[in-house]
Amino acid sequence: MSSFVIIAMYALFWMWFFGGFAPKKKPPAKKQSPEQELAEALSKYLATLKKPGDAK
């Protein structure tokens, strides 16, 4: 085997060993209080309503 192939295999092994190929875990989302969840849902709902000025 050529030295390049051996070096490449060695590098890939160490990348695998130290987690180079593992997907990064996202930190868990911060839990919202019920009031915050309600406020967010209400603001999304109100944004979807048609406004009187939008009618054509």
PDB file of N, CA and C in Angstrom:
ATOM      1  N   MET A   1       0.840  -1.181   0.000  1.00  0.00           N
ATOM      2  CA  MET A   1       0.000   0.000   0.000  1.00  0.00           C
ATOM      3  C   MET A   1       0.884   1.243   0.000  1.00  0.00           C
ATOM      4  N   SER A   2       0.362   2.241  -0.610  1.00  0.00           N
ATOM      5  CA  SER A   2       1.138   3.474  -0.621  1.00  0.00           C
ATOM      6  C   SER A   2       1.018   4.164   0.736  1.00  0.00           C
ATOM      7  N   SER A   3       1.968   4.991   1.013  1.00  0.00           N
ATOM      8  CA  SER A   3       1.979   5.678   2.312  1.00  0.00           C
ATOM      9  C   SER A   3       0.785   6.636   2.440  1.00  0.00           C
ATOM     10  N   PHE A   4       0.336   7.203   1.324  1.00  0.00           N
ATOM     11  CA  PHE A   4      -0.817   8.111   1.367  1.00  0.00           C
ATOM     12  C   PHE A   4      -2.060   7.384   1.852  1.00  0.00           C
ATOM     13  N   VAL A   5      -2.305   6.181   1.363  1.00  0.00           N
ATOM     14  CA  VAL A   5      -3.477   5.408   1.759  1.00  0.00           C
ATOM     15  C   VAL A   5      -3.397   5.062   3.240  1.00  0.00           C
ATOM     16  N   ILE A   6      -2.228   4.687   3.703  1.00  0.00           N
ATOM     17  CA  ILE A   6      -2.056   4.339   5.116  1.00  0.00           C
ATOM     18  C   ILE A   6      -2.310   5.564   5.999  1.00  0.00           C
ATOM     19  N   ILE A   7      -1.777   6.708   5.613  1.00  0.00           N
ATOM     20  CA  ILE A   7      -1.979   7.933   6.390  1.00  0.00           C
ATOM     21  C   ILE A   7      -3.458   8.323   6.383  1.00  0.00           C
ATOM     22  N   ALA A   8      -4.111   8.212   5.228  1.00  0.00           N
ATOM     23  CA  ALA A   8      -5.529   8.552   5.130  1.00  0.00           C
ATOM     24  C   ALA A   8      -6.365   7.629   6.020  1.00  0.00           C
ATOM     25  N   MET A   9      -6.082   6.339   6.014  1.00  0.00           N
ATOM     26  CA  MET A   9      -6.818   5.402   6.853  1.00  0.00           C
ATOM     27  C   MET A   9      -6.579   5.706   8.328  1.00  0.00           C
ATOM     28  N   TYR A  10      -5.359   6.027   8.680  1.00  0.00           N
ATOM     29  CA  TYR A  10      -5.022   6.368  10.057  1.00  0.00           C
ATOM     30  C   TYR A  10      -5.772   7.625  10.488  1.00  0.00           C
ATOM     31  N   ALA A  11      -5.819   8.639   9.631  1.00  0.00           N
ATOM     32  CA  ALA A  11      -6.524   9.885   9.949  1.00  0.00           C
ATOM     33  C   ALA A  11      -8.029   9.630  10.083  1.00  0.00           C
ATOM     34  N   LEU A  12      -8.606   8.839   9.188  1.00  0.00           N
ATOM     35  CA  LEU A  12     -10.036   8.529   9.269  1.00  0.00           C
ATOM     36  C   LEU A  12     -10.369   7.759  10.540  1.00  0.00           C
ATOM     37  N   PHE A  13      -9.464   6.853  10.938  1.00  0.00           N
ATOM     38  CA  PHE A  13      -9.690   6.111  12.176  1.00  0.00           C
ATOM     39  C   PHE A  13      -9.740   7.057  13.364  1.00  0.00           C
ATOM     40  N   TRP A  14      -8.806   7.987  13.477  1.00  0.00           N
ATOM     41  CA  TRP A  14      -8.792   8.894  14.618  1.00  0.00           C
ATOM     42  C   TRP A  14      -9.958   9.866  14.582  1.00  0.00           C
ATOM     43  N   MET A  15     -10.379  10.274  13.394  1.00  0.00           N
ATOM     44  CA  MET A  15     -11.563  11.132  13.303  1.00  0.00           C
ATOM     45  C   MET A  15     -12.791  10.368  13.798  1.00  0.00           C
ATOM     46  N   TRP A  16     -12.906   9.114  13.427  1.00  0.00           N
ATOM     47  CA  TRP A  16     -14.016   8.296  13.889  1.00  0.00           C
ATOM     48  C   TRP A  16     -13.929   8.080  15.397  1.00  0.00           C
ATOM     49  N   PHE A  17     -12.727   7.811  15.895  1.00  0.00           N
ATOM     50  CA  PHE A  17     -12.526   7.515  17.312  1.00  0.00           C
ATOM     51  C   PHE A  17     -12.901   8.712  18.191  1.00  0.00           C
ATOM     52  N   PHE A  18     -12.574   9.905  17.749  1.00  0.00           N
ATOM     53  CA  PHE A  18     -12.869  11.094  18.542  1.00  0.00           C
ATOM     54  C   PHE A  18     -14.199  11.738  18.175  1.00  0.00           C
ATOM     55  N   GLY A  19     -15.033  11.058  17.418  1.00  0.00           N
ATOM     56  CA  GLY A  19     -16.373  11.562  17.120  1.00  0.00           C
ATOM     57  C   GLY A  19     -16.427  12.567  15.994  1.00  0.00           C
ATOM     58  N   GLY A  20     -15.493  12.526  15.076  1.00  0.00           N
ATOM     59  CA  GLY A  20     -15.486  13.472  13.977  1.00  0.00           C
ATOM     60  C   GLY A  20     -16.663  13.301  13.036  1.00  0.00           C
ATOM     61  N   PHE A  21     -17.216  12.097  12.972  1.00  0.00           N
ATOM     62  CA  PHE A  21     -18.327  11.858  12.065  1.00  0.00           C
ATOM     63  C   PHE A  21     -19.673  11.890  12.772  1.00  0.00           C
ATOM     64  N   ALA A  22     -19.682  11.966  14.084  1.00  0.00           N
ATOM     65  CA  ALA A  22     -20.945  11.953  14.825  1.00  0.00           C
ATOM     66  C   ALA A  22     -21.650  13.293  14.664  1.00  0.00           C
ATOM     67  N   PRO A  23     -22.951  13.267  14.454  1.00  0.00           N
ATOM     68  CA  PRO A  23     -23.680  14.540  14.351  1.00  0.00           C
ATOM     69  C   PRO A  23     -23.685  15.243  15.699  1.00  0.00           C
ATOM     70  N   LYS A  24     -23.603  16.540  15.659  1.00  0.00           N
ATOM     71  CA  LYS A  24     -23.603  17.328  16.884  1.00  0.00           C
ATOM     72  C   LYS A  24     -25.011  17.350  17.467  1.00  0.00           C
ATOM     73  N   LYS A  25     -25.109  17.130  18.765  1.00  0.00           N
ATOM     74  CA  LYS A  25     -26.412  17.156  19.427  1.00  0.00           C
ATOM     75  C   LYS A  25     -26.765  18.594  19.767  1.00  0.00           C
ATOM     76  N   LYS A  26     -28.008  18.947  19.481  1.00  0.00           N
ATOM     77  CA  LYS A  26     -28.485  20.273  19.833  1.00  0.00           C
ATOM     78  C   LYS A  26     -28.833  20.279  21.316  1.00  0.00           C
ATOM     79  N   PRO A  27     -28.598  21.395  21.965  1.00  0.00           N
ATOM     80  CA  PRO A  27     -29.033  21.461  23.359  1.00  0.00           C
ATOM     81  C   PRO A  27     -30.557  21.436  23.426  1.00  0.00           C
ATOM     82  N   PRO A  28     -31.119  20.837  24.453  1.00  0.00           N
ATOM     83  CA  PRO A  28     -32.580  20.761  24.519  1.00  0.00           C
ATOM     84  C   PRO A  28     -33.192  22.157  24.578  1.00  0.00           C
ATOM     85  N   ALA A  29     -34.322  22.287  23.921  1.00  0.00           N
ATOM     86  CA  ALA A  29     -34.998  23.586  23.882  1.00  0.00           C
ATOM     87  C   ALA A  29     -35.459  23.954  25.286  1.00  0.00           C
ATOM     88  N   LYS A  30     -35.343  25.237  25.586  1.00  0.00           N
ATOM     89  CA  LYS A  30     -35.743  25.697  26.905  1.00  0.00           C
ATOM     90  C   LYS A  30     -37.259  25.575  27.036  1.00  0.00           C
ATOM     91  N   LYS A  31     -37.686  24.985  28.130  1.00  0.00           N
ATOM     92  CA  LYS A  31     -39.116  24.778  28.368  1.00  0.00           C
ATOM     93  C   LYS A  31     -39.772  26.118  28.644  1.00  0.00           C
ATOM     94  N   GLN A  32     -40.834  26.383  27.907  1.00  0.00           N
ATOM     95  CA  GLN A  32     -41.561  27.627  28.081  1.00  0.00           C
ATOM     96  C   GLN A  32     -42.644  27.443  29.137  1.00  0.00           C
ATOM     97  N   SER A  33     -42.957  28.529  29.803  1.00  0.00           N
ATOM     98  CA  SER A  33     -44.047  28.490  30.774  1.00  0.00           C
ATOM     99  C   SER A  33     -45.371  28.446  30.014  1.00  0.00           C
ATOM    100  N   PRO A  34     -46.438  27.998  30.662  1.00  0.00           N
ATOM    101  CA  PRO A  34     -47.741  27.962  29.977  1.00  0.00           C
ATOM    102  C   PRO A  34     -48.169  29.336  29.461  1.00  0.00           C
ATOM    103  N   GLU A  35     -47.819  30.383  30.194  1.00  0.00           N
ATOM    104  CA  GLU A  35     -48.182  31.730  29.754  1.00  0.00           C
ATOM    105  C   GLU A  35     -47.461  32.098  28.466  1.00  0.00           C
ATOM    106  N   GLN A  36     -46.184  31.717  28.367  1.00  0.00           N
ATOM    107  CA  GLN A  36     -45.415  32.015  27.161  1.00  0.00           C
ATOM    108  C   GLN A  36     -45.947  31.222  25.968  1.00  0.00           C
ATOM    109  N   GLU A  37     -46.306  29.950  26.201  1.00  0.00           N
ATOM    110  CA  GLU A  37     -46.857  29.135  25.116  1.00  0.00           C
ATOM    111  C   GLU A  37     -48.183  29.716  24.626  1.00  0.00           C
ATOM    112  N   LEU A  38     -49.029  30.157  25.576  1.00  0.00           N
ATOM    113  CA  LEU A  38     -50.306  30.748  25.209  1.00  0.00           C
ATOM    114  C   LEU A  38     -50.107  32.040  24.426  1.00  0.00           C
ATOM    115  N   ALA A  39     -49.178  32.870  24.863  1.00  0.00           N
ATOM    116  CA  ALA A  39     -48.917  34.132  24.173  1.00  0.00           C
ATOM    117  C   ALA A  39     -48.405  33.884  22.754  1.00  0.00           C
ATOM    118  N   GLU A  40     -47.540  32.901  22.595  1.00  0.00           N
ATOM    119  CA  GLU A  40     -47.008  32.589  21.269  1.00  0.00           C
ATOM    120  C   GLU A  40     -48.105  32.054  20.354  1.00  0.00           C
ATOM    121  N   ALA A  41     -48.929  31.152  20.868  1.00  0.00           N
ATOM    122  CA  ALA A  41     -50.022  30.593  20.067  1.00  0.00           C
ATOM    123  C   ALA A  41     -51.023  31.680  19.682  1.00  0.00           C
ATOM    124  N   LEU A  42     -51.325  32.571  20.625  1.00  0.00           N
ATOM    125  CA  LEU A  42     -52.266  33.638  20.344  1.00  0.00           C
ATOM    126  C   LEU A  42     -51.725  34.607  19.300  1.00  0.00           C
ATOM    127  N   SER A  43     -50.452  34.935  19.395  1.00  0.00           N
ATOM    128  CA  SER A  43     -49.877  35.860  18.406  1.00  0.00           C
ATOM    129  C   SER A  43     -49.840  35.218  17.014  1.00  0.00           C
ATOM    130  N   LYS A  44     -49.562  33.917  16.938  1.00  0.00           N
ATOM    131  CA  LYS A  44     -49.590  33.234  15.637  1.00  0.00           C
ATOM    132  C   LYS A  44     -51.006  33.210  15.069  1.00  0.00           C
ATOM    133  N   TYR A  45     -51.984  32.958  15.929  1.00  0.00           N
ATOM    134  CA  TYR A  45     -53.377  32.930  15.480  1.00  0.00           C
ATOM    135  C   TYR A  45     -53.817  34.300  14.978  1.00  0.00           C
ATOM    136  N   LEU A  46     -53.509  35.337  15.740  1.00  0.00           N
ATOM    137  CA  LEU A  46     -53.917  36.675  15.340  1.00  0.00           C
ATOM    138  C   LEU A  46     -53.236  37.111  14.047  1.00  0.00           C
ATOM    139  N   ALA A  47     -52.025  36.622  13.801  1.00  0.00           N
ATOM    140  CA  ALA A  47     -51.317  36.969  12.566  1.00  0.00           C
ATOM    141  C   ALA A  47     -51.981  36.338  11.347  1.00  0.00           C
ATOM    142  N   THR A  48     -52.698  35.229  11.552  1.00  0.00           N
ATOM    143  CA  THR A  48     -53.332  34.557  10.413  1.00  0.00           C
ATOM    144  C   THR A  48     -54.691  35.140  10.066  1.00  0.00           C
ATOM    145  N   LEU A  49     -55.286  35.901  10.972  1.00  0.00           N
ATOM    146  CA  LEU A  49     -56.609  36.468  10.702  1.00  0.00           C
ATOM    147  C   LEU A  49     -56.530  37.524   9.611  1.00  0.00           C
ATOM    148  N   LYS A  50     -57.588  37.608   8.838  1.00  0.00           N
ATOM    149  CA  LYS A  50     -57.630  38.615   7.778  1.00  0.00           C
ATOM    150  C   LYS A  50     -57.997  39.957   8.382  1.00  0.00           C
ATOM    151  N   LYS A  51     -57.310  40.957   7.961  1.00  0.00           N
ATOM    152  CA  LYS A  51     -57.570  42.308   8.435  1.00  0.00           C
ATOM    153  C   LYS A  51     -58.590  42.965   7.484  1.00  0.00           C
ATOM    154  N   PRO A  52     -59.418  43.883   7.987  1.00  0.00           N
ATOM    155  CA  PRO A  52     -60.426  44.523   7.130  1.00  0.00           C
ATOM    156  C   PRO A  52     -59.797  45.246   5.941  1.00  0.00           C
ATOM    157  N   GLY A  53     -58.609  45.776   6.067  1.00  0.00           N
ATOM    158  CA  GLY A  53     -57.968  46.493   4.971  1.00  0.00           C
ATOM    159  C   GLY A  53     -57.423  45.568   3.888  1.00  0.00           C
ATOM    160  N   ASP A  54     -57.324  44.259   4.158  1.00  0.00           N
ATOM    161  CA  ASP A  54     -56.770  43.323   3.179  1.00  0.00           C
ATOM    162  C   ASP A  54     -57.781  42.845   2.152  1.00  0.00           C
ATOM    163  N   ALA A  55     -59.079  43.068   2.383  1.00  0.00           N
ATOM    164  CA  ALA A  55     -60.118  42.555   1.477  1.00  0.00           C
ATOM    165  C   ALA A  55     -60.057  43.305   0.148  1.00  0.00           C
ATOM    166  N   LYS A  56     -60.176  42.529  -0.932  1.00  0.00           N
ATOM    167  CA  LYS A  56     -60.147  43.136  -2.276  1.00  0.00           C
ATOM    168  C   LYS A  56     -61.375  42.752  -3.040  1.00  0.00           C
TER     169      LYS A  56
END
